[in-house]
Protein backbone atom coordinates (compact mmCIF):
# COMPACT_ATOMS: atom_id res chain seq x y z
CA MET A 1 10.12 11.69 -22.82
CA SER A 2 11.24 13.60 -26.12
CA ILE A 3 10.94 17.06 -25.18
CA HIS A 4 12.09 18.59 -21.73
CA SER A 5 13.01 21.58 -20.14
CA SER A 6 16.81 22.12 -19.83
CA PRO A 7 18.51 24.81 -17.21
CA ASP A 8 21.86 24.79 -19.35
CA LEU A 9 19.89 26.04 -22.54
CA PHE A 10 17.69 28.27 -20.25
CA SER A 11 21.00 29.64 -19.24
CA VAL A 12 22.82 30.01 -22.72
CA VAL A 13 19.60 31.65 -23.58
CA GLN A 14 19.58 33.91 -20.82
CA SER A 15 23.36 34.42 -21.65
CA LEU A 16 22.22 35.76 -24.88
CA LYS A 17 19.97 38.61 -23.72
CA GLY A 18 22.66 40.68 -23.38
CA PHE A 19 23.60 40.58 -27.05
CA MET A 20 20.07 41.49 -28.37
CA LYS A 21 20.75 45.23 -29.06
CA THR A 22 24.37 44.78 -30.56
CA GLY A 23 24.39 41.27 -32.03
CA ILE A 24 27.62 39.11 -32.19
CA PRO A 25 29.13 39.99 -35.32
CA SER A 26 31.73 38.06 -34.92
CA ARG A 27 29.47 34.96 -35.02
CA GLY A 28 27.33 36.22 -37.64
CA LEU A 29 24.39 37.18 -35.44
CA PRO A 30 23.02 40.38 -36.30
CA PRO A 31 21.08 42.52 -33.96
CA LEU A 32 17.58 41.60 -33.10
CA ASP A 33 16.38 44.84 -31.23
CA PRO A 34 14.66 46.27 -33.29
CA LEU A 35 13.94 43.50 -35.28
CA SER A 36 13.18 44.23 -38.84
CA LEU A 37 10.96 41.87 -41.04
CA ASP A 38 10.39 42.37 -44.51
CA ASN A 39 6.34 40.23 -44.57
CA VAL A 40 4.80 38.61 -41.53
CA GLY A 41 1.34 36.82 -42.56
CA PHE A 42 -0.61 34.63 -41.16
CA SER A 43 -4.56 33.55 -41.05
CA LEU A 44 -7.09 34.58 -38.85
CA GLY A 45 -10.65 33.29 -38.38
CA GLY A 46 -10.45 32.88 -42.40
CA ALA A 47 -8.86 35.79 -42.96
CA ASN A 48 -5.35 36.71 -44.62
CA ILE A 49 -3.39 38.77 -42.64
CA GLU A 50 -0.04 40.43 -43.92
CA PHE A 51 2.14 42.69 -42.21
CA ARG A 52 4.68 44.53 -44.41
CA ASN A 53 8.11 46.13 -43.63
CA VAL A 54 7.62 45.29 -39.71
CA THR A 55 10.03 46.76 -37.06
CA MET A 56 10.02 45.57 -33.77
CA GLY A 57 11.64 47.08 -30.62
CA GLY A 58 12.07 46.47 -26.97
CA LEU A 59 12.84 42.98 -28.01
CA SER A 60 15.87 42.81 -25.42
CA ASN A 61 13.14 43.78 -22.50
CA HIS A 62 11.93 40.39 -21.65
CA ASP A 63 11.83 37.54 -19.38
CA ILE A 64 12.27 34.08 -20.61
CA GLY A 65 9.41 32.00 -19.46
CA ASP A 66 10.64 28.65 -20.49
CA VAL A 67 13.32 26.49 -22.80
CA THR A 68 12.52 23.08 -24.13
CA TYR A 69 14.44 20.61 -26.23
CA ASP A 70 12.83 18.05 -28.32
CA GLU A 71 15.30 15.25 -28.42
CA ILE A 72 13.76 13.51 -31.80
CA LYS A 73 13.14 16.82 -33.68
CA ARG A 74 16.38 18.31 -32.61
CA GLN A 75 14.76 21.21 -32.35
CA THR A 76 15.02 24.29 -29.29
CA SER A 77 11.79 26.15 -28.42
CA CYS A 78 12.27 29.26 -26.39
CA GLN A 79 9.18 31.29 -24.64
CA PHE A 80 9.89 35.00 -24.20
CA VAL A 81 7.93 37.36 -22.13
CA CYS A 82 8.32 40.76 -23.47
CA HIS A 83 7.76 44.05 -21.60
């Protein structure tokens, strides 16, 4: 199986939760709460939707649903449940 849950990766992602508001400047990781994005676009029901100058707050108040790793793509996916 190329995609699997990883308790070790879950622990790493969980430990980063405490840095959402401050980031890790020494590692070049900016704060992610609040998260500011210039543009967010997607298609929905045949319509193109675009949001500009988006700021999302409260992202540090979340639970981690699942963390998986795809060995073939070498990609980690995280599920966050925000409150």
